[in-house]
Amino acid sequence: MGIRLYQTQTSMFCEKVRIVLAMKKIPYEIFDVREKRQPLVDFSGQKKFPVMDYNGKCVIDSTFISAFLEEQYPQNSIYPDSPSDKGLCLMLEDWSDEVLNQAIRTFRRAETPEAKKDAEKNLGILFKTLDQFFTGKDFLFGRMTIAEIAIFTQLHYLYTTVKYEIPASCANLLGWMDRMRQKLKLGSLTDSVPAGTSF
């Protein structure tokens, strides 16, 4: 039966799953829910995505999909080796999916100049935090993990969809973004990770 990913190309959470699949070199097919949502609803009983059909098993949410794929395909692990590092990695994944995602959504949906200014200020605080975090580090745990993937896909959305760039003052963060871009074989940060690629 194989693997089918119900997704959209622009969703940061769908891109997160595509990167995990690419890291592990797992073949799959995609179903674009923008064109037709009903097959997703028929299969999963709900409208949120990404959803993975794994040989008939329904797995919903990028975090659960990533963890499931790690169990099934442990090669090229998305987690650090030590238990303490794995715990921190999972916390950063959750922070990215919740806190960073909400800040980006608030910025994108701001309807007044004042709201936009406030949202940009909040984003700037998170940028500075990440900039400090990546000081002197190529990758947080020595190699690309689900924490990096989660953080990158949220920030990448700013370039691909929001058309907003991280300020030049965040040199450490920008350096890391470029290392991720190269790792993911993207020509520029405005390119999205295509389905079916591998790293």
C-alpha atoms as a PDB file:
ATOM      1  CA  MET A   1       0.000   0.000   0.000  1.00  0.00           C
ATOM      2  CA  GLY A   2       2.870   2.375   0.710  1.00  0.00           C
ATOM      3  CA  ILE A   3       2.901   5.847   2.235  1.00  0.00           C
ATOM      4  CA  ARG A   4       0.722   8.785   1.267  1.00  0.00           C
ATOM      5  CA  LEU A   5       1.136  12.269   2.735  1.00  0.00           C
ATOM      6  CA  TYR A   6      -1.911  14.527   2.755  1.00  0.00           C
ATOM      7  CA  GLN A   7      -0.382  17.994   2.656  1.00  0.00           C
ATOM      8  CA  THR A   8       0.073  21.406   1.082  1.00  0.00           C
ATOM      9  CA  GLN A   9       3.361  22.667  -0.322  1.00  0.00           C
ATOM     10  CA  THR A  10       3.270  25.906   1.672  1.00  0.00           C
ATOM     11  CA  SER A  11       2.531  24.541   5.157  1.00  0.00           C
ATOM     12  CA  MET A  12       5.532  24.653   7.495  1.00  0.00           C
ATOM     13  CA  PHE A  13       4.327  21.517   9.252  1.00  0.00           C
ATOM     14  CA  CYS A  14       4.042  19.637   5.967  1.00  0.00           C
ATOM     15  CA  GLU A  15       7.532  20.778   4.996  1.00  0.00           C
ATOM     16  CA  LYS A  16       8.749  19.458   8.351  1.00  0.00           C
ATOM     17  CA  VAL A  17       7.434  15.984   7.494  1.00  0.00           C
ATOM     18  CA  ARG A  18       8.836  16.137   3.945  1.00  0.00           C
ATOM     19  CA  ILE A  19      12.298  16.859   5.381  1.00  0.00           C
ATOM     20  CA  VAL A  20      12.072  13.893   7.767  1.00  0.00           C
ATOM     21  CA  LEU A  21      11.008  11.636   4.898  1.00  0.00           C
ATOM     22  CA  ALA A  22      13.883  12.977   2.798  1.00  0.00           C
ATOM     23  CA  MET A  23      16.427  12.464   5.606  1.00  0.00           C
ATOM     24  CA  LYS A  24      15.368   8.860   5.933  1.00  0.00           C
ATOM     25  CA  LYS A  25      15.106   8.366   2.163  1.00  0.00           C
ATOM     26  CA  ILE A  26      11.577   6.983   2.441  1.00  0.00           C
ATOM     27  CA  PRO A  27       9.539   6.826  -0.780  1.00  0.00           C
ATOM     28  CA  TYR A  28       6.019   8.240  -0.604  1.00  0.00           C
ATOM     29  CA  GLU A  29       3.312   9.906  -2.645  1.00  0.00           C
ATOM     30  CA  ILE A  30       1.542  13.159  -1.898  1.00  0.00           C
ATOM     31  CA  PHE A  31      -2.057  14.274  -2.025  1.00  0.00           C
ATOM     32  CA  ASP A  32      -2.490  18.052  -2.210  1.00  0.00           C
ATOM     33  CA  VAL A  33      -5.433  18.933   0.018  1.00  0.00           C
ATOM     34  CA  ARG A  34      -5.734  22.401  -1.523  1.00  0.00           C
ATOM     35  CA  GLU A  35      -7.167  20.820  -4.642  1.00  0.00           C
ATOM     36  CA  LYS A  36      -9.580  18.509  -2.843  1.00  0.00           C
ATOM     37  CA  ARG A  37     -10.146  18.203   0.913  1.00  0.00           C
ATOM     38  CA  GLN A  38     -12.756  15.427   1.019  1.00  0.00           C
ATOM     39  CA  PRO A  39     -10.350  12.463   0.610  1.00  0.00           C
ATOM     40  CA  LEU A  40      -8.448  13.749   3.667  1.00  0.00           C
ATOM     41  CA  VAL A  41     -11.685  13.936   5.669  1.00  0.00           C
ATOM     42  CA  ASP A  42     -12.783  10.504   4.469  1.00  0.00           C
ATOM     43  CA  PHE A  43      -9.477   8.946   5.519  1.00  0.00           C
ATOM     44  CA  SER A  44      -8.749  10.772   8.785  1.00  0.00           C
ATOM     45  CA  GLY A  45     -12.163  11.960   9.963  1.00  0.00           C
ATOM     46  CA  GLN A  46     -10.939  15.557  10.306  1.00  0.00           C
ATOM     47  CA  LYS A  47      -9.586  18.469   8.227  1.00  0.00           C
ATOM     48  CA  LYS A  48      -6.173  19.227   9.744  1.00  0.00           C
ATOM     49  CA  PHE A  49      -2.961  18.364   7.933  1.00  0.00           C
ATOM     50  CA  PRO A  50      -0.381  16.925   7.528  1.00  0.00           C
ATOM     51  CA  VAL A  51      -1.815  13.430   7.742  1.00  0.00           C
ATOM     52  CA  MET A  52       0.095  10.302   6.803  1.00  0.00           C
ATOM     53  CA  ASP A  53      -1.467   7.144   5.451  1.00  0.00           C
ATOM     54  CA  TYR A  54       1.058   4.472   6.413  1.00  0.00           C
ATOM     55  CA  ASN A  55      -0.150   1.258   4.814  1.00  0.00           C
ATOM     56  CA  GLY A  56      -3.676   2.105   5.924  1.00  0.00           C
ATOM     57  CA  LYS A  57      -2.709   3.429   9.382  1.00  0.00           C
ATOM     58  CA  CYS A  58      -3.700   7.055   9.974  1.00  0.00           C
ATOM     59  CA  VAL A  59      -1.107   9.275  11.689  1.00  0.00           C
ATOM     60  CA  ILE A  60      -2.033  12.930  12.300  1.00  0.00           C
ATOM     61  CA  ASP A  61       0.231  15.896  13.251  1.00  0.00           C
ATOM     62  CA  SER A  62       3.811  16.546  12.172  1.00  0.00           C
ATOM     63  CA  THR A  63       5.282  15.701  15.590  1.00  0.00           C
ATOM     64  CA  PHE A  64       3.513  12.349  15.790  1.00  0.00           C
ATOM     65  CA  ILE A  65       4.283  11.562  12.151  1.00  0.00           C
ATOM     66  CA  SER A  66       7.980  12.316  12.692  1.00  0.00           C
ATOM     67  CA  ALA A  67       8.128  10.164  15.839  1.00  0.00           C
ATOM     68  CA  PHE A  68       6.311   7.324  14.078  1.00  0.00           C
ATOM     69  CA  LEU A  69       8.720   7.440  11.140  1.00  0.00           C
ATOM     70  CA  GLU A  70      11.654   7.363  13.566  1.00  0.00           C
ATOM     71  CA  GLU A  71      10.282   4.152  15.090  1.00  0.00           C
ATOM     72  CA  GLN A  72       9.742   2.524  11.719  1.00  0.00           C
ATOM     73  CA  TYR A  73      12.941   3.812  10.081  1.00  0.00           C
ATOM     74  CA  PRO A  74      15.618   4.403  12.761  1.00  0.00           C
ATOM     75  CA  GLN A  75      18.352   5.086  10.195  1.00  0.00           C
ATOM     76  CA  ASN A  76      19.486   8.727   9.958  1.00  0.00           C
ATOM     77  CA  SER A  77      17.926   9.466  13.327  1.00  0.00           C
ATOM     78  CA  ILE A  78      16.116  12.757  13.813  1.00  0.00           C
ATOM     79  CA  TYR A  79      16.989  12.724  17.527  1.00  0.00           C
ATOM     80  CA  PRO A  80      20.305  13.229  19.377  1.00  0.00           C
ATOM     81  CA  ASP A  81      21.996  10.191  20.891  1.00  0.00           C
ATOM     82  CA  SER A  82      21.879  11.003  24.613  1.00  0.00           C
ATOM     83  CA  PRO A  83      18.583  10.941  26.573  1.00  0.00           C
ATOM     84  CA  SER A  84      19.126  14.436  28.012  1.00  0.00           C
ATOM     85  CA  ASP A  85      19.838  15.902  24.580  1.00  0.00           C
ATOM     86  CA  LYS A  86      16.787  14.129  23.175  1.00  0.00           C
ATOM     87  CA  GLY A  87      14.638  15.678  25.899  1.00  0.00           C
ATOM     88  CA  LEU A  88      15.921  19.161  25.058  1.00  0.00           C
ATOM     89  CA  CYS A  89      15.471  18.440  21.359  1.00  0.00           C
ATOM     90  CA  LEU A  90      11.807  17.516  21.880  1.00  0.00           C
ATOM     91  CA  MET A  91      11.245  20.630  23.991  1.00  0.00           C
ATOM     92  CA  LEU A  92      12.679  22.800  21.212  1.00  0.00           C
ATOM     93  CA  GLU A  93      10.506  21.069  18.637  1.00  0.00           C
ATOM     94  CA  ASP A  94       7.430  21.811  20.731  1.00  0.00           C
ATOM     95  CA  TRP A  95       8.543  25.426  21.363  1.00  0.00           C
ATOM     96  CA  SER A  96       8.968  25.946  17.653  1.00  0.00           C
ATOM     97  CA  ASP A  97       5.638  24.373  16.721  1.00  0.00           C
ATOM     98  CA  GLU A  98       3.755  26.376  19.345  1.00  0.00           C
ATOM     99  CA  VAL A  99       5.519  29.595  20.408  1.00  0.00           C
ATOM    100  CA  LEU A 100       7.432  30.454  17.234  1.00  0.00           C
ATOM    101  CA  ASN A 101       4.532  29.412  15.022  1.00  0.00           C
ATOM    102  CA  GLN A 102       2.078  31.590  16.941  1.00  0.00           C
ATOM    103  CA  ALA A 103       4.383  34.611  16.735  1.00  0.00           C
ATOM    104  CA  ILE A 104       4.707  34.202  12.970  1.00  0.00           C
ATOM    105  CA  ARG A 105       0.959  33.751  12.497  1.00  0.00           C
ATOM    106  CA  THR A 106       0.242  36.835  14.600  1.00  0.00           C
ATOM    107  CA  PHE A 107       2.674  38.862  12.497  1.00  0.00           C
ATOM    108  CA  ARG A 108       1.191  37.636   9.226  1.00  0.00           C
ATOM    109  CA  ARG A 109      -2.401  38.287  10.282  1.00  0.00           C
ATOM    110  CA  ALA A 110      -1.839  41.719  11.843  1.00  0.00           C
ATOM    111  CA  GLU A 111      -4.392  44.080  10.312  1.00  0.00           C
ATOM    112  CA  THR A 112      -3.213  47.481  11.543  1.00  0.00           C
ATOM    113  CA  PRO A 113       0.201  49.188  11.475  1.00  0.00           C
ATOM    114  CA  GLU A 114       0.255  49.169  15.283  1.00  0.00           C
ATOM    115  CA  ALA A 115      -0.554  45.452  15.466  1.00  0.00           C
ATOM    116  CA  LYS A 116       2.077  44.755  12.822  1.00  0.00           C
ATOM    117  CA  LYS A 117       4.669  46.738  14.771  1.00  0.00           C
ATOM    118  CA  ASP A 118       3.895  44.882  18.008  1.00  0.00           C
ATOM    119  CA  ALA A 119       4.007  41.503  16.266  1.00  0.00           C
ATOM    120  CA  GLU A 120       7.317  42.362  14.610  1.00  0.00           C
ATOM    121  CA  LYS A 121       8.743  43.381  17.987  1.00  0.00           C
ATOM    122  CA  ASN A 122       7.740  40.024  19.471  1.00  0.00           C
ATOM    123  CA  LEU A 123       9.278  38.210  16.511  1.00  0.00           C
ATOM    124  CA  GLY A 124      12.469  40.187  17.017  1.00  0.00           C
ATOM    125  CA  ILE A 125      12.738  38.935  20.602  1.00  0.00           C
ATOM    126  CA  LEU A 126      12.512  35.341  19.388  1.00  0.00           C
ATOM    127  CA  PHE A 127      15.074  36.027  16.651  1.00  0.00           C
ATOM    128  CA  LYS A 128      17.529  37.361  19.234  1.00  0.00           C
ATOM    129  CA  THR A 129      16.967  34.332  21.463  1.00  0.00           C
ATOM    130  CA  LEU A 130      17.687  31.984  18.567  1.00  0.00           C
ATOM    131  CA  ASP A 131      20.669  34.072  17.520  1.00  0.00           C
ATOM    132  CA  GLN A 132      22.179  33.570  20.969  1.00  0.00           C
ATOM    133  CA  PHE A 133      21.304  29.884  20.873  1.00  0.00           C
ATOM    134  CA  PHE A 134      23.241  29.331  17.653  1.00  0.00           C
ATOM    135  CA  THR A 135      26.334  31.253  18.764  1.00  0.00           C
ATOM    136  CA  GLY A 136      29.377  29.092  18.023  1.00  0.00           C
ATOM    137  CA  LYS A 137      27.271  26.144  16.854  1.00  0.00           C
ATOM    138  CA  ASP A 138      26.890  24.737  13.358  1.00  0.00           C
ATOM    139  CA  PHE A 139      23.999  22.606  14.631  1.00  0.00           C
ATOM    140  CA  LEU A 140      22.455  22.400  18.086  1.00  0.00           C
ATOM    141  CA  PHE A 141      23.381  18.764  18.671  1.00  0.00           C
ATOM    142  CA  GLY A 142      26.225  18.380  16.191  1.00  0.00           C
ATOM    143  CA  ARG A 143      23.964  17.395  13.302  1.00  0.00           C
ATOM    144  CA  MET A 144      20.497  18.130  11.962  1.00  0.00           C
ATOM    145  CA  THR A 145      17.742  16.922  14.306  1.00  0.00           C
ATOM    146  CA  ILE A 146      13.993  17.396  14.560  1.00  0.00           C
ATOM    147  CA  ALA A 147      14.641  20.536  16.643  1.00  0.00           C
ATOM    148  CA  GLU A 148      16.515  22.148  13.745  1.00  0.00           C
ATOM    149  CA  ILE A 149      13.926  20.942  11.258  1.00  0.00           C
ATOM    150  CA  ALA A 150      11.068  22.400  13.314  1.00  0.00           C
ATOM    151  CA  ILE A 151      12.787  25.753  13.838  1.00  0.00           C
ATOM    152  CA  PHE A 152      13.903  26.016  10.226  1.00  0.00           C
ATOM    153  CA  THR A 153      10.504  25.265   8.709  1.00  0.00           C
ATOM    154  CA  GLN A 154       8.847  27.963  10.818  1.00  0.00           C
ATOM    155  CA  LEU A 155      11.453  30.581   9.872  1.00  0.00           C
ATOM    156  CA  HIS A 156      11.556  29.343   6.280  1.00  0.00           C
ATOM    157  CA  TYR A 157       7.842  30.135   6.013  1.00  0.00           C
ATOM    158  CA  LEU A 158       8.717  33.803   6.502  1.00  0.00           C
ATOM    159  CA  TYR A 159      10.792  33.698   3.309  1.00  0.00           C
ATOM    160  CA  THR A 160       8.565  31.487   1.145  1.00  0.00           C
ATOM    161  CA  THR A 161       5.131  32.832   2.060  1.00  0.00           C
ATOM    162  CA  VAL A 162       5.246  35.941   4.257  1.00  0.00           C
ATOM    163  CA  LYS A 163       8.103  37.479   2.225  1.00  0.00           C
ATOM    164  CA  TYR A 164       9.880  38.710   5.336  1.00  0.00           C
ATOM    165  CA  GLU A 165      13.568  38.302   6.130  1.00  0.00           C
ATOM    166  CA  ILE A 166      15.386  37.821   9.415  1.00  0.00           C
ATOM    167  CA  PRO A 167      17.303  41.057  10.189  1.00  0.00           C
ATOM    168  CA  ALA A 168      21.015  41.201   9.389  1.00  0.00           C
ATOM    169  CA  SER A 169      21.803  41.880  13.057  1.00  0.00           C
ATOM    170  CA  CYS A 170      21.060  38.195  13.786  1.00  0.00           C
ATOM    171  CA  ALA A 171      24.246  36.961  12.115  1.00  0.00           C
ATOM    172  CA  ASN A 172      24.466  33.657  14.000  1.00  0.00           C
ATOM    173  CA  LEU A 173      20.883  32.764  13.165  1.00  0.00           C
ATOM    174  CA  LEU A 174      21.333  33.751   9.524  1.00  0.00           C
ATOM    175  CA  GLY A 175      24.503  31.666   9.301  1.00  0.00           C
ATOM    176  CA  TRP A 176      22.611  28.663  10.624  1.00  0.00           C
ATOM    177  CA  MET A 177      19.739  29.273   8.198  1.00  0.00           C
ATOM    178  CA  ASP A 178      22.234  29.204   5.337  1.00  0.00           C
ATOM    179  CA  ARG A 179      23.781  25.955   6.597  1.00  0.00           C
ATOM    180  CA  MET A 180      20.307  24.442   6.705  1.00  0.00           C
ATOM    181  CA  ARG A 181      19.592  25.757   3.206  1.00  0.00           C
ATOM    182  CA  GLN A 182      22.707  24.008   1.917  1.00  0.00           C
ATOM    183  CA  LYS A 183      21.910  20.829   3.862  1.00  0.00           C
ATOM    184  CA  LEU A 184      18.437  20.750   2.330  1.00  0.00           C
ATOM    185  CA  LYS A 185      19.798  21.478  -1.159  1.00  0.00           C
ATOM    186  CA  LEU A 186      17.785  24.662  -1.636  1.00  0.00           C
ATOM    187  CA  GLY A 187      18.939  27.220  -4.175  1.00  0.00           C
ATOM    188  CA  SER A 188      17.689  30.045  -1.973  1.00  0.00           C
ATOM    189  CA  LEU A 189      15.572  30.520   1.126  1.00  0.00           C
ATOM    190  CA  THR A 190      12.601  31.422  -1.050  1.00  0.00           C
ATOM    191  CA  ASP A 191      12.543  27.855  -2.426  1.00  0.00           C
ATOM    192  CA  SER A 192      10.441  25.240  -0.632  1.00  0.00           C
ATOM    193  CA  VAL A 193      11.562  21.657  -0.038  1.00  0.00           C
ATOM    194  CA  PRO A 194       9.970  19.582  -2.827  1.00  0.00           C
ATOM    195  CA  ALA A 195       8.303  16.230  -2.319  1.00  0.00           C
ATOM    196  CA  GLY A 196      10.355  13.171  -3.164  1.00  0.00           C
ATOM    197  CA  THR A 197      13.777  14.696  -2.552  1.00  0.00           C
ATOM    198  CA  SER A 198      16.486  13.117  -0.366  1.00  0.00           C
ATOM    199  CA  PHE A 199      19.551  14.417   1.491  1.00  0.00           C
END
